């Protein structure tokens, strides 16, 4: 089987080392369990939380996503609706923020692991290594 590209693996929230194992247990819109991650990759055994509190750094990435959402929807509202009343801005921007929060949360963790986790892609495992596991 051909390996996933880096972008494809990130969008599918797959392990950065093997690009096969899932990082999250549930759908991002299952609000009760949206933060539930597997501790280790089911394919290569990589431990996702590199150190205690590792994903707290994802808050900064999530903040950047939130700023991008606010600017995009705020400017879009201004341009498309020709400067409507303030309540329209608040409704549109807050609705977009609430709808996109689960994705922002999830992808901030994915980016944190990919960019700052110190994990590099190992490629396809050789048949001899698979037999050892």
Protein backbone atom coordinates (compact mmCIF):
# COMPACT_ATOMS: atom_id res chain seq x y z
CA UNK A 1 0.00 0.00 0.00
CA UNK A 2 1.30 3.45 -0.89
CA UNK A 3 2.06 5.68 2.05
CA UNK A 4 0.05 8.82 2.80
CA UNK A 5 1.51 12.20 2.00
CA UNK A 6 2.35 14.52 4.88
CA UNK A 7 -0.66 16.76 4.24
CA UNK A 8 -3.02 13.81 3.89
CA UNK A 9 -1.76 12.27 7.14
CA UNK A 10 -2.17 15.58 8.98
CA UNK A 11 -5.69 16.16 7.65
CA UNK A 12 -6.70 12.63 8.64
CA UNK A 13 -5.03 13.05 12.08
CA UNK A 14 -2.71 10.08 11.64
CA UNK A 15 0.48 9.19 13.48
CA UNK A 16 3.43 11.34 12.32
CA UNK A 17 5.85 8.41 12.49
CA UNK A 18 4.01 5.80 10.39
CA UNK A 19 1.12 7.89 8.99
CA UNK A 20 -1.25 4.97 9.54
CA UNK A 21 -2.49 4.88 13.13
CA UNK A 22 -5.32 7.16 14.21
CA UNK A 23 -4.60 9.79 16.86
CA UNK A 24 -8.17 10.39 18.07
CA UNK A 25 -10.76 7.89 19.26
CA UNK A 26 -13.95 9.71 18.22
CA UNK A 27 -15.45 12.12 15.73
CA UNK A 28 -14.52 15.75 16.53
CA UNK A 29 -18.20 16.70 16.84
CA UNK A 30 -18.81 14.11 19.55
CA UNK A 31 -18.44 16.89 22.12
CA UNK A 32 -18.26 14.62 25.18
CA UNK A 33 -15.21 12.78 23.77
CA UNK A 34 -13.65 15.24 21.31
CA UNK A 35 -10.39 15.37 23.30
CA UNK A 36 -10.07 11.59 23.65
CA UNK A 37 -6.80 10.51 22.05
CA UNK A 38 -5.13 7.15 21.89
CA UNK A 39 -2.06 7.02 24.13
CA UNK A 40 0.00 5.14 21.54
CA UNK A 41 -0.17 4.53 17.81
CA UNK A 42 -1.90 1.25 17.02
CA UNK A 43 0.52 0.61 14.14
CA UNK A 44 4.00 1.64 15.32
CA UNK A 45 3.52 2.16 19.07
CA UNK A 46 4.59 5.83 19.12
CA UNK A 47 3.58 7.50 22.39
CA UNK A 48 1.69 10.63 21.33
CA UNK A 49 2.12 12.79 24.44
CA UNK A 50 5.86 13.39 24.15
CA UNK A 51 6.14 14.71 27.72
CA UNK A 52 3.64 15.60 30.46
CA UNK A 53 1.64 18.64 29.39
CA UNK A 54 2.97 18.50 25.83
CA UNK A 55 -0.34 19.45 24.24
CA UNK A 56 -0.71 22.61 26.34
CA UNK A 57 1.42 24.23 23.65
CA UNK A 58 -1.42 23.50 21.24
CA UNK A 59 -3.34 26.34 22.91
CA UNK A 60 -1.14 28.81 21.04
CA UNK A 61 -1.90 27.12 17.74
CA UNK A 62 -5.60 27.05 18.63
CA UNK A 63 -5.41 30.77 19.41
CA UNK A 64 -3.95 31.40 15.94
CA UNK A 65 -6.80 29.37 14.40
CA UNK A 66 -9.33 31.42 16.38
CA UNK A 67 -7.81 34.70 15.20
CA UNK A 68 -7.91 33.44 11.61
CA UNK A 69 -11.57 32.44 11.99
CA UNK A 70 -12.50 35.82 13.50
CA UNK A 71 -10.68 37.77 10.78
CA UNK A 72 -11.96 35.64 7.92
CA UNK A 73 -15.59 35.71 8.95
CA UNK A 74 -15.45 39.32 10.15
CA UNK A 75 -13.96 40.59 6.90
CA UNK A 76 -16.21 38.30 4.87
CA UNK A 77 -19.25 39.72 6.64
CA UNK A 78 -18.05 43.27 6.05
CA UNK A 79 -17.37 42.71 2.34
CA UNK A 80 -20.34 40.49 1.45
CA UNK A 81 -23.01 42.19 3.55
CA UNK A 82 -21.72 45.76 3.07
CA UNK A 83 -21.03 46.66 6.72
CA UNK A 84 -24.13 45.33 8.53
CA UNK A 85 -25.09 46.15 12.15
CA UNK A 86 -22.84 44.90 14.97
CA UNK A 87 -25.26 42.13 16.02
CA UNK A 88 -24.81 40.53 12.57
CA UNK A 89 -21.03 40.46 13.02
CA UNK A 90 -21.36 38.96 16.48
CA UNK A 91 -23.84 36.31 15.33
CA UNK A 92 -21.81 35.23 12.31
CA UNK A 93 -18.39 35.27 13.94
CA UNK A 94 -19.52 33.52 17.13
CA UNK A 95 -21.49 30.89 15.17
CA UNK A 96 -18.48 30.16 12.98
CA UNK A 97 -16.21 30.00 16.03
CA UNK A 98 -18.49 27.55 17.83
CA UNK A 99 -18.97 25.37 14.76
CA UNK A 100 -15.25 25.24 13.98
CA UNK A 101 -14.00 24.88 17.57
CA UNK A 102 -13.83 21.05 17.55
CA UNK A 103 -11.75 21.10 14.37
CA UNK A 104 -9.55 23.89 15.70
CA UNK A 105 -8.95 21.94 18.90
CA UNK A 106 -8.13 18.72 17.07
CA UNK A 107 -5.84 20.22 14.45
CA UNK A 108 -3.98 22.33 16.99
CA UNK A 109 -2.98 19.06 18.67
CA UNK A 110 -2.12 17.45 15.35
CA UNK A 111 0.08 20.41 14.35
CA UNK A 112 1.70 20.49 17.78
CA UNK A 113 2.74 16.86 17.44
CA UNK A 114 3.86 17.17 13.82
CA UNK A 115 5.79 20.42 14.24
CA UNK A 116 7.19 20.19 17.77
CA UNK A 117 7.01 16.49 18.67
CA UNK A 118 10.45 15.64 17.35
CA UNK A 119 9.06 12.70 15.38
CA UNK A 120 10.10 11.98 11.83
CA UNK A 121 8.40 9.80 9.25
CA UNK A 122 9.87 6.30 9.22
CA UNK A 123 8.37 5.12 5.92
CA UNK A 124 6.97 1.72 5.19
CA UNK A 125 8.13 -0.92 7.69
CA UNK A 126 10.12 -3.77 6.25
CA UNK A 127 8.53 -7.23 6.31
CA UNK A 128 11.17 -8.52 8.74
CA UNK A 129 10.34 -5.77 11.27
CA UNK A 130 6.63 -6.55 11.02
CA UNK A 131 7.30 -10.23 11.71
CA UNK A 132 9.23 -9.28 14.91
CA UNK A 133 6.23 -7.37 16.29
